[in-house]
Amino acid sequence: MSLTERQKRWLKPRVHHLRPVVILGHAGLTDGVFNEIEAALDHHELIKIKVNAGDRTERDALVGAIAERAGATLIARIGNTAAFFRANPTKKDRLMPPAL
């Protein structure tokens, strides 16, 4: 699902108060960590992930890999923390940005 810039701006204040639900360490994106990311996206739809990897290029690569592999949209990234959104169509109380 691709979001417009207006939809991303609508989601940014909603992610601000959240705490990271997954923290990536130096081991990187293992299958176990990815399964936790998938579960968190299914349950919350909007999550923060803290990436404690080496340098900036390694963090960029991990953030891109998470977005691509999970089918999520990167909402914002500040330092080591990235926010992702993936709509869950089976959820009754979906967090869906307005189609503006």
PDB file of N, CA and C in Angstrom:
ATOM      1  N   MET A   1       0.841  -1.178   0.000  1.00  0.00           N
ATOM      2  CA  MET A   1       0.000   0.000   0.000  1.00  0.00           C
ATOM      3  C   MET A   1       0.881   1.234   0.000  1.00  0.00           C
ATOM      4  N   SER A   2       0.658   2.103  -0.930  1.00  0.00           N
ATOM      5  CA  SER A   2       1.418   3.345  -0.946  1.00  0.00           C
ATOM      6  C   SER A   2       0.539   4.467  -0.411  1.00  0.00           C
ATOM      7  N   LEU A   3       1.148   5.313   0.374  1.00  0.00           N
ATOM      8  CA  LEU A   3       0.442   6.429   0.982  1.00  0.00           C
ATOM      9  C   LEU A   3       0.883   7.729   0.339  1.00  0.00           C
ATOM     10  N   THR A   4      -0.022   8.677   0.282  1.00  0.00           N
ATOM     11  CA  THR A   4       0.332   9.994  -0.222  1.00  0.00           C
ATOM     12  C   THR A   4       1.071  10.755   0.876  1.00  0.00           C
ATOM     13  N   GLU A   5       1.665  11.850   0.501  1.00  0.00           N
ATOM     14  CA  GLU A   5       2.375  12.672   1.488  1.00  0.00           C
ATOM     15  C   GLU A   5       1.413  13.240   2.532  1.00  0.00           C
ATOM     16  N   ARG A   6       0.199  13.566   2.114  1.00  0.00           N
ATOM     17  CA  ARG A   6      -0.799  14.075   3.071  1.00  0.00           C
ATOM     18  C   ARG A   6      -1.177  13.007   4.083  1.00  0.00           C
ATOM     19  N   GLN A   7      -1.290  11.762   3.639  1.00  0.00           N
ATOM     20  CA  GLN A   7      -1.602  10.677   4.556  1.00  0.00           C
ATOM     21  C   GLN A   7      -0.448  10.441   5.531  1.00  0.00           C
ATOM     22  N   LYS A   8       0.781  10.543   5.042  1.00  0.00           N
ATOM     23  CA  LYS A   8       1.939  10.398   5.931  1.00  0.00           C
ATOM     24  C   LYS A   8       1.965  11.516   6.966  1.00  0.00           C
ATOM     25  N   ARG A   9       1.658  12.737   6.542  1.00  0.00           N
ATOM     26  CA  ARG A   9       1.599  13.859   7.487  1.00  0.00           C
ATOM     27  C   ARG A   9       0.500  13.650   8.525  1.00  0.00           C
ATOM     28  N   TRP A  10      -0.595  13.013   8.126  1.00  0.00           N
ATOM     29  CA  TRP A  10      -1.680  12.724   9.054  1.00  0.00           C
ATOM     30  C   TRP A  10      -1.244  11.686  10.095  1.00  0.00           C
ATOM     31  N   LEU A  11      -0.410  10.737   9.690  1.00  0.00           N
ATOM     32  CA  LEU A  11       0.034   9.671  10.596  1.00  0.00           C
ATOM     33  C   LEU A  11       1.154  10.115  11.537  1.00  0.00           C
ATOM     34  N   LYS A  12       1.993  11.058  11.124  1.00  0.00           N
ATOM     35  CA  LYS A  12       3.155  11.454  11.934  1.00  0.00           C
ATOM     36  C   LYS A  12       2.805  11.858  13.361  1.00  0.00           C
ATOM     37  N   PRO A  13       1.803  12.701  13.605  1.00  0.00           N
ATOM     38  CA  PRO A  13       1.508  13.036  15.005  1.00  0.00           C
ATOM     39  C   PRO A  13       0.969  11.853  15.804  1.00  0.00           C
ATOM     40  N   ARG A  14       0.394  10.871  15.129  1.00  0.00           N
ATOM     41  CA  ARG A  14      -0.128   9.701  15.819  1.00  0.00           C
ATOM     42  C   ARG A  14       0.970   8.724  16.229  1.00  0.00           C
ATOM     43  N   VAL A  15       2.106   8.805  15.594  1.00  0.00           N
ATOM     44  CA  VAL A  15       3.219   7.917  15.940  1.00  0.00           C
ATOM     45  C   VAL A  15       4.154   8.558  16.974  1.00  0.00           C
ATOM     46  N   HIS A  16       4.026   9.846  17.147  1.00  0.00           N
ATOM     47  CA  HIS A  16       4.959  10.581  18.012  1.00  0.00           C
ATOM     48  C   HIS A  16       5.006  10.041  19.438  1.00  0.00           C
ATOM     49  N   HIS A  17       3.870   9.759  20.029  1.00  0.00           N
ATOM     50  CA  HIS A  17       3.823   9.333  21.431  1.00  0.00           C
ATOM     51  C   HIS A  17       4.147   7.849  21.632  1.00  0.00           C
ATOM     52  N   LEU A  18       4.230   7.090  20.552  1.00  0.00           N
ATOM     53  CA  LEU A  18       4.479   5.650  20.669  1.00  0.00           C
ATOM     54  C   LEU A  18       5.919   5.361  21.074  1.00  0.00           C
ATOM     55  N   ARG A  19       6.099   4.251  21.746  1.00  0.00           N
ATOM     56  CA  ARG A  19       7.446   3.770  22.069  1.00  0.00           C
ATOM     57  C   ARG A  19       7.807   2.661  21.089  1.00  0.00           C
ATOM     58  N   PRO A  20       9.097   2.455  20.843  1.00  0.00           N
ATOM     59  CA  PRO A  20       9.492   1.376  19.932  1.00  0.00           C
ATOM     60  C   PRO A  20       9.025   0.015  20.443  1.00  0.00           C
ATOM     61  N   VAL A  21       8.386  -0.747  19.580  1.00  0.00           N
ATOM     62  CA  VAL A  21       7.909  -2.074  19.966  1.00  0.00           C
ATOM     63  C   VAL A  21       8.931  -3.154  19.641  1.00  0.00           C
ATOM     64  N   VAL A  22       9.848  -2.849  18.731  1.00  0.00           N
ATOM     65  CA  VAL A  22      10.914  -3.781  18.362  1.00  0.00           C
ATOM     66  C   VAL A  22      12.221  -3.001  18.354  1.00  0.00           C
ATOM     67  N   ILE A  23      13.262  -3.626  18.903  1.00  0.00           N
ATOM     68  CA  ILE A  23      14.584  -3.011  18.898  1.00  0.00           C
ATOM     69  C   ILE A  23      15.539  -3.962  18.190  1.00  0.00           C
ATOM     70  N   LEU A  24      16.108  -3.494  17.088  1.00  0.00           N
ATOM     71  CA  LEU A  24      17.077  -4.285  16.327  1.00  0.00           C
ATOM     72  C   LEU A  24      18.463  -4.062  16.908  1.00  0.00           C
ATOM     73  N   GLY A  25      19.183  -5.141  17.131  1.00  0.00           N
ATOM     74  CA  GLY A  25      20.537  -5.039  17.650  1.00  0.00           C
ATOM     75  C   GLY A  25      21.561  -5.238  16.561  1.00  0.00           C
ATOM     76  N   HIS A  26      22.753  -5.593  16.963  1.00  0.00           N
ATOM     77  CA  HIS A  26      23.850  -5.775  16.015  1.00  0.00           C
ATOM     78  C   HIS A  26      23.692  -7.035  15.174  1.00  0.00           C
ATOM     79  N   ALA A  27      22.820  -7.970  15.600  1.00  0.00           N
ATOM     80  CA  ALA A  27      22.583  -9.183  14.823  1.00  0.00           C
ATOM     81  C   ALA A  27      21.782  -8.880  13.559  1.00  0.00           C
ATOM     82  N   GLY A  28      21.126  -7.746  13.533  1.00  0.00           N
ATOM     83  CA  GLY A  28      20.397  -7.339  12.336  1.00  0.00           C
ATOM     84  C   GLY A  28      18.992  -7.891  12.286  1.00  0.00           C
ATOM     85  N   LEU A  29      18.501  -8.047  11.086  1.00  0.00           N
ATOM     86  CA  LEU A  29      17.125  -8.470  10.839  1.00  0.00           C
ATOM     87  C   LEU A  29      17.068  -9.990  10.718  1.00  0.00           C
ATOM     88  N   THR A  30      16.971 -10.661  11.855  1.00  0.00           N
ATOM     89  CA  THR A  30      16.873 -12.120  11.855  1.00  0.00           C
ATOM     90  C   THR A  30      15.416 -12.519  11.625  1.00  0.00           C
ATOM     91  N   ASP A  31      15.190 -13.804  11.403  1.00  0.00           N
ATOM     92  CA  ASP A  31      13.827 -14.286  11.178  1.00  0.00           C
ATOM     93  C   ASP A  31      12.949 -14.065  12.405  1.00  0.00           C
ATOM     94  N   GLY A  32      13.497 -14.266  13.586  1.00  0.00           N
ATOM     95  CA  GLY A  32      12.736 -14.052  14.808  1.00  0.00           C
ATOM     96  C   GLY A  32      12.324 -12.600  14.985  1.00  0.00           C
ATOM     97  N   VAL A  33      13.241 -11.687  14.717  1.00  0.00           N
ATOM     98  CA  VAL A  33      12.931 -10.257  14.819  1.00  0.00           C
ATOM     99  C   VAL A  33      11.895  -9.875  13.774  1.00  0.00           C
ATOM    100  N   PHE A  34      12.036 -10.404  12.569  1.00  0.00           N
ATOM    101  CA  PHE A  34      11.072 -10.081  11.518  1.00  0.00           C
ATOM    102  C   PHE A  34       9.681 -10.600  11.868  1.00  0.00           C
ATOM    103  N   ASN A  35       9.605 -11.769  12.486  1.00  0.00           N
ATOM    104  CA  ASN A  35       8.305 -12.292  12.910  1.00  0.00           C
ATOM    105  C   ASN A  35       7.655 -11.381  13.944  1.00  0.00           C
ATOM    106  N   GLU A  36       8.448 -10.809  14.840  1.00  0.00           N
ATOM    107  CA  GLU A  36       7.923  -9.861  15.823  1.00  0.00           C
ATOM    108  C   GLU A  36       7.430  -8.582  15.147  1.00  0.00           C
ATOM    109  N   ILE A  37       8.149  -8.126  14.125  1.00  0.00           N
ATOM    110  CA  ILE A  37       7.726  -6.944  13.375  1.00  0.00           C
ATOM    111  C   ILE A  37       6.399  -7.216  12.677  1.00  0.00           C
ATOM    112  N   GLU A  38       6.280  -8.378  12.062  1.00  0.00           N
ATOM    113  CA  GLU A  38       5.035  -8.762  11.385  1.00  0.00           C
ATOM    114  C   GLU A  38       3.870  -8.790  12.372  1.00  0.00           C
ATOM    115  N   ALA A  39       4.084  -9.393  13.530  1.00  0.00           N
ATOM    116  CA  ALA A  39       3.023  -9.477  14.535  1.00  0.00           C
ATOM    117  C   ALA A  39       2.630  -8.087  15.036  1.00  0.00           C
ATOM    118  N   ALA A  40       3.625  -7.231  15.256  1.00  0.00           N
ATOM    119  CA  ALA A  40       3.345  -5.876  15.728  1.00  0.00           C
ATOM    120  C   ALA A  40       2.578  -5.075  14.683  1.00  0.00           C
ATOM    121  N   LEU A  41       2.939  -5.201  13.418  1.00  0.00           N
ATOM    122  CA  LEU A  41       2.221  -4.496  12.352  1.00  0.00           C
ATOM    123  C   LEU A  41       0.785  -5.005  12.215  1.00  0.00           C
ATOM    124  N   ASP A  42       0.594  -6.311  12.353  1.00  0.00           N
ATOM    125  CA  ASP A  42      -0.760  -6.862  12.270  1.00  0.00           C
ATOM    126  C   ASP A  42      -1.620  -6.353  13.419  1.00  0.00           C
ATOM    127  N   HIS A  43      -1.040  -6.261  14.594  1.00  0.00           N
ATOM    128  CA  HIS A  43      -1.813  -5.865  15.763  1.00  0.00           C
ATOM    129  C   HIS A  43      -2.012  -4.353  15.865  1.00  0.00           C
ATOM    130  N   HIS A  44      -0.953  -3.580  15.653  1.00  0.00           N
ATOM    131  CA  HIS A  44      -1.002  -2.131  15.877  1.00  0.00           C
ATOM    132  C   HIS A  44      -1.158  -1.301  14.603  1.00  0.00           C
ATOM    133  N   GLU A  45      -0.718  -1.799  13.477  1.00  0.00           N
ATOM    134  CA  GLU A  45      -0.705  -1.109  12.184  1.00  0.00           C
ATOM    135  C   GLU A  45       0.328   0.017  12.113  1.00  0.00           C
ATOM    136  N   LEU A  46       0.505   0.774  13.153  1.00  0.00           N
ATOM    137  CA  LEU A  46       1.459   1.882  13.186  1.00  0.00           C
ATOM    138  C   LEU A  46       2.438   1.616  14.322  1.00  0.00           C
ATOM    139  N   ILE A  47       3.717   1.420  13.972  1.00  0.00           N
ATOM    140  CA  ILE A  47       4.702   1.048  14.987  1.00  0.00           C
ATOM    141  C   ILE A  47       5.994   1.844  14.813  1.00  0.00           C
ATOM    142  N   LYS A  48       6.772   1.857  15.888  1.00  0.00           N
ATOM    143  CA  LYS A  48       8.129   2.401  15.852  1.00  0.00           C
ATOM    144  C   LYS A  48       9.101   1.256  16.059  1.00  0.00           C
ATOM    145  N   ILE A  49      10.222   1.334  15.360  1.00  0.00           N
ATOM    146  CA  ILE A  49      11.290   0.350  15.499  1.00  0.00           C
ATOM    147  C   ILE A  49      12.582   1.107  15.734  1.00  0.00           C
ATOM    148  N   LYS A  50      13.330   0.683  16.738  1.00  0.00           N
ATOM    149  CA  LYS A  50      14.630   1.289  17.014  1.00  0.00           C
ATOM    150  C   LYS A  50      15.707   0.397  16.403  1.00  0.00           C
ATOM    151  N   VAL A  51      16.572   0.986  15.599  1.00  0.00           N
ATOM    152  CA  VAL A  51      17.623   0.253  14.897  1.00  0.00           C
ATOM    153  C   VAL A  51      18.967   0.638  15.506  1.00  0.00           C
ATOM    154  N   ASN A  52      19.522  -0.251  16.314  1.00  0.00           N
ATOM    155  CA  ASN A  52      20.812  -0.008  16.963  1.00  0.00           C
ATOM    156  C   ASN A  52      21.938  -0.693  16.192  1.00  0.00           C
ATOM    157  N   ALA A  53      21.987  -0.486  14.910  1.00  0.00           N
ATOM    158  CA  ALA A  53      23.021  -1.087  14.080  1.00  0.00           C
ATOM    159  C   ALA A  53      24.223  -0.149  14.001  1.00  0.00           C
ATOM    160  N   GLY A  54      25.245  -0.577  13.327  1.00  0.00           N
ATOM    161  CA  GLY A  54      26.496   0.152  13.228  1.00  0.00           C
ATOM    162  C   GLY A  54      26.384   1.582  12.750  1.00  0.00           C
ATOM    163  N   ASP A  55      26.691   1.806  11.509  1.00  0.00           N
ATOM    164  CA  ASP A  55      26.728   3.175  10.988  1.00  0.00           C
ATOM    165  C   ASP A  55      25.432   3.518  10.248  1.00  0.00           C
ATOM    166  N   ARG A  56      25.379   4.726   9.736  1.00  0.00           N
ATOM    167  CA  ARG A  56      24.169   5.237   9.091  1.00  0.00           C
ATOM    168  C   ARG A  56      23.784   4.422   7.859  1.00  0.00           C
ATOM    169  N   THR A  57      24.726   4.012   7.047  1.00  0.00           N
ATOM    170  CA  THR A  57      24.394   3.255   5.836  1.00  0.00           C
ATOM    171  C   THR A  57      23.813   1.891   6.194  1.00  0.00           C
ATOM    172  N   GLU A  58      24.315   1.282   7.240  1.00  0.00           N
ATOM    173  CA  GLU A  58      23.777  -0.005   7.682  1.00  0.00           C
ATOM    174  C   GLU A  58      22.350   0.166   8.208  1.00  0.00           C
ATOM    175  N   ARG A  59      22.099   1.251   8.951  1.00  0.00           N
ATOM    176  CA  ARG A  59      20.745   1.533   9.440  1.00  0.00           C
ATOM    177  C   ARG A  59      19.802   1.798   8.278  1.00  0.00           C
ATOM    178  N   ASP A  60      20.254   2.562   7.286  1.00  0.00           N
ATOM    179  CA  ASP A  60      19.435   2.830   6.096  1.00  0.00           C
ATOM    180  C   ASP A  60      19.064   1.532   5.390  1.00  0.00           C
ATOM    181  N   ALA A  61      20.019   0.632   5.262  1.00  0.00           N
ATOM    182  CA  ALA A  61      19.772  -0.644   4.596  1.00  0.00           C
ATOM    183  C   ALA A  61      18.768  -1.484   5.383  1.00  0.00           C
ATOM    184  N   LEU A  62      18.890  -1.497   6.709  1.00  0.00           N
ATOM    185  CA  LEU A  62      17.959  -2.268   7.532  1.00  0.00           C
ATOM    186  C   LEU A  62      16.543  -1.695   7.466  1.00  0.00           C
ATOM    187  N   VAL A  63      16.421  -0.380   7.518  1.00  0.00           N
ATOM    188  CA  VAL A  63      15.104   0.257   7.437  1.00  0.00           C
ATOM    189  C   VAL A  63      14.461  -0.044   6.079  1.00  0.00           C
ATOM    190  N   GLY A  64      15.230   0.032   5.018  1.00  0.00           N
ATOM    191  CA  GLY A  64      14.712  -0.300   3.692  1.00  0.00           C
ATOM    192  C   GLY A  64      14.310  -1.756   3.574  1.00  0.00           C
ATOM    193  N   ALA A  65      15.101  -2.639   4.176  1.00  0.00           N
ATOM    194  CA  ALA A  65      14.785  -4.066   4.130  1.00  0.00           C
ATOM    195  C   ALA A  65      13.507  -4.374   4.901  1.00  0.00           C
ATOM    196  N   ILE A  66      13.310  -3.715   6.030  1.00  0.00           N
ATOM    197  CA  ILE A  66      12.087  -3.923   6.810  1.00  0.00           C
ATOM    198  C   ILE A  66      10.877  -3.486   5.993  1.00  0.00           C
ATOM    199  N   ALA A  67      10.943  -2.297   5.409  1.00  0.00           N
ATOM    200  CA  ALA A  67       9.815  -1.778   4.631  1.00  0.00           C
ATOM    201  C   ALA A  67       9.484  -2.693   3.456  1.00  0.00           C
ATOM    202  N   GLU A  68      10.501  -3.139   2.759  1.00  0.00           N
ATOM    203  CA  GLU A  68      10.285  -3.979   1.586  1.00  0.00           C
ATOM    204  C   GLU A  68       9.763  -5.356   1.965  1.00  0.00           C
ATOM    205  N   ARG A  69      10.395  -5.987   2.947  1.00  0.00           N
ATOM    206  CA  ARG A  69      10.049  -7.354   3.323  1.00  0.00           C
ATOM    207  C   ARG A  69       8.680  -7.422   4.011  1.00  0.00           C
ATOM    208  N   ALA A  70       8.333  -6.417   4.799  1.00  0.00           N
ATOM    209  CA  ALA A  70       7.061  -6.422   5.519  1.00  0.00           C
ATOM    210  C   ALA A  70       5.925  -5.829   4.697  1.00  0.00           C
ATOM    211  N   GLY A  71       6.242  -5.169   3.601  1.00  0.00           N
ATOM    212  CA  GLY A  71       5.207  -4.525   2.804  1.00  0.00           C
ATOM    213  C   GLY A  71       4.621  -3.319   3.519  1.00  0.00           C
ATOM    214  N   ALA A  72       5.445  -2.681   4.341  1.00  0.00           N
ATOM    215  CA  ALA A  72       5.005  -1.531   5.125  1.00  0.00           C
ATOM    216  C   ALA A  72       5.534  -0.244   4.500  1.00  0.00           C
ATOM    217  N   THR A  73       4.910   0.859   4.879  1.00  0.00           N
ATOM    218  CA  THR A  73       5.321   2.169   4.408  1.00  0.00           C
ATOM    219  C   THR A  73       6.097   2.873   5.508  1.00  0.00           C
ATOM    220  N   LEU A  74       7.249   3.408   5.162  1.00  0.00           N
ATOM    221  CA  LEU A  74       8.035   4.196   6.104  1.00  0.00           C
ATOM    222  C   LEU A  74       7.375   5.556   6.252  1.00  0.00           C
ATOM    223  N   ILE A  75       6.954   5.876   7.465  1.00  0.00           N
ATOM    224  CA  ILE A  75       6.282   7.146   7.732  1.00  0.00           C
ATOM    225  C   ILE A  75       7.297   8.229   8.052  1.00  0.00           C
ATOM    226  N   ALA A  76       8.215   7.921   8.947  1.00  0.00           N
ATOM    227  CA  ALA A  76       9.220   8.899   9.349  1.00  0.00           C
ATOM    228  C   ALA A  76      10.419   8.159   9.914  1.00  0.00           C
ATOM    229  N   ARG A  77      11.557   8.814   9.838  1.00  0.00           N
ATOM    230  CA  ARG A  77      12.762   8.258  10.439  1.00  0.00           C
ATOM    231  C   ARG A  77      13.557   9.396  11.028  1.00  0.00           C
ATOM    232  N   ILE A  78      13.828   9.280  12.320  1.00  0.00           N
ATOM    233  CA  ILE A  78      14.639  10.269  13.015  1.00  0.00           C
ATOM    234  C   ILE A  78      15.713   9.518  13.774  1.00  0.00           C
ATOM    235  N   GLY A  79      16.947   9.720  13.376  1.00  0.00           N
ATOM    236  CA  GLY A  79      18.058   9.045  14.041  1.00  0.00           C
ATOM    237  C   GLY A  79      17.964   7.544  13.911  1.00  0.00           C
ATOM    238  N   ASN A  80      17.926   6.858  15.057  1.00  0.00           N
ATOM    239  CA  ASN A  80      17.874   5.398  15.073  1.00  0.00           C
ATOM    240  C   ASN A  80      16.459   4.849  15.079  1.00  0.00           C
ATOM    241  N   THR A  81      15.466   5.703  15.059  1.00  0.00           N
ATOM    242  CA  THR A  81      14.084   5.262  15.187  1.00  0.00           C
ATOM    243  C   THR A  81      13.325   5.496  13.881  1.00  0.00           C
ATOM    244  N   ALA A  82      12.615   4.448  13.457  1.00  0.00           N
ATOM    245  CA  ALA A  82      11.822   4.532  12.233  1.00  0.00           C
ATOM    246  C   ALA A  82      10.379   4.146  12.549  1.00  0.00           C
ATOM    247  N   ALA A  83       9.431   4.809  11.895  1.00  0.00           N
ATOM    248  CA  ALA A  83       8.009   4.531  12.073  1.00  0.00           C
ATOM    249  C   ALA A  83       7.466   3.925  10.783  1.00  0.00           C
ATOM    250  N   PHE A  84       6.698   2.847  10.940  1.00  0.00           N
ATOM    251  CA  PHE A  84       6.141   2.135   9.795  1.00  0.00           C
ATOM    252  C   PHE A  84       4.635   2.005   9.944  1.00  0.00           C
ATOM    253  N   PHE A  85       3.941   1.951   8.797  1.00  0.00           N
ATOM    254  CA  PHE A  85       2.501   1.742   8.774  1.00  0.00           C
ATOM    255  C   PHE A  85       2.175   0.671   7.754  1.00  0.00           C
ATOM    256  N   ARG A  86       1.298  -0.255   8.171  1.00  0.00           N
ATOM    257  CA  ARG A  86       0.734  -1.239   7.251  1.00  0.00           C
ATOM    258  C   ARG A  86      -0.694  -1.511   7.703  1.00  0.00           C
ATOM    259  N   ALA A  87      -1.651  -1.236   6.834  1.00  0.00           N
ATOM    260  CA  ALA A  87      -3.061  -1.423   7.174  1.00  0.00           C
ATOM    261  C   ALA A  87      -3.375  -2.903   7.312  1.00  0.00           C
ATOM    262  N   ASN A  88      -4.216  -3.222   8.281  1.00  0.00           N
ATOM    263  CA  ASN A  88      -4.681  -4.583   8.500  1.00  0.00           C
ATOM    264  C   ASN A  88      -6.162  -4.633   8.149  1.00  0.00           C
ATOM    265  N   PRO A  89      -6.516  -5.206   6.995  1.00  0.00           N
ATOM    266  CA  PRO A  89      -7.915  -5.181   6.561  1.00  0.00           C
ATOM    267  C   PRO A  89      -8.846  -6.022   7.432  1.00  0.00           C
ATOM    268  N   THR A  90      -8.311  -6.934   8.240  1.00  0.00           N
ATOM    269  CA  THR A  90      -9.164  -7.785   9.071  1.00  0.00           C
ATOM    270  C   THR A  90      -9.490  -7.151  10.415  1.00  0.00           C
ATOM    271  N   LYS A  91      -8.856  -6.047  10.734  1.00  0.00           N
ATOM    272  CA  LYS A  91      -9.081  -5.383  12.010  1.00  0.00           C
ATOM    273  C   LYS A  91     -10.375  -4.578  11.982  1.00  0.00           C
ATOM    274  N   LYS A  92     -11.147  -4.648  13.075  1.00  0.00           N
ATOM    275  CA  LYS A  92     -12.411  -3.914  13.127  1.00  0.00           C
ATOM    276  C   LYS A  92     -12.186  -2.420  13.295  1.00  0.00           C
ATOM    277  N   ASP A  93     -11.277  -2.031  14.183  1.00  0.00           N
ATOM    278  CA  ASP A  93     -11.006  -0.602  14.435  1.00  0.00           C
ATOM    279  C   ASP A  93      -9.706  -0.191  13.758  1.00  0.00           C
ATOM    280  N   ARG A  94      -9.748  -0.167  12.454  1.00  0.00           N
ATOM    281  CA  ARG A  94      -8.564   0.146  11.655  1.00  0.00           C
ATOM    282  C   ARG A  94      -8.146   1.603  11.804  1.00  0.00           C
ATOM    283  N   LEU A  95      -6.839   1.799  11.792  1.00  0.00           N
ATOM    284  CA  LEU A  95      -6.279   3.144  11.747  1.00  0.00           C
ATOM    285  C   LEU A  95      -5.993   3.428  10.277  1.00  0.00           C
ATOM    286  N   MET A  96      -6.868   4.182   9.659  1.00  0.00           N
ATOM    287  CA  MET A  96      -6.701   4.438   8.235  1.00  0.00           C
ATOM    288  C   MET A  96      -6.647   5.938   7.997  1.00  0.00           C
ATOM    289  N   PRO A  97      -5.571   6.391   7.387  1.00  0.00           N
ATOM    290  CA  PRO A  97      -5.500   7.819   7.068  1.00  0.00           C
ATOM    291  C   PRO A  97      -6.550   8.178   6.018  1.00  0.00           C
ATOM    292  N   PRO A  98      -7.118   9.350   6.122  1.00  0.00           N
ATOM    293  CA  PRO A  98      -8.136   9.742   5.147  1.00  0.00           C
ATOM    294  C   PRO A  98      -7.540   9.862   3.747  1.00  0.00           C
ATOM    295  N   ALA A  99      -8.313   9.474   2.770  1.00  0.00           N
ATOM    296  CA  ALA A  99      -7.881   9.595   1.376  1.00  0.00           C
ATOM    297  C   ALA A  99      -8.103  11.026   0.940  1.00  0.00           C
ATOM    298  N   LEU A 100      -7.057  11.831   1.076  1.00  0.00           N
ATOM    299  CA  LEU A 100      -7.162  13.259   0.748  1.00  0.00           C
ATOM    300  C   LEU A 100      -6.569  13.545  -0.598  1.00  0.00           C
TER     301      LEU A 100
END
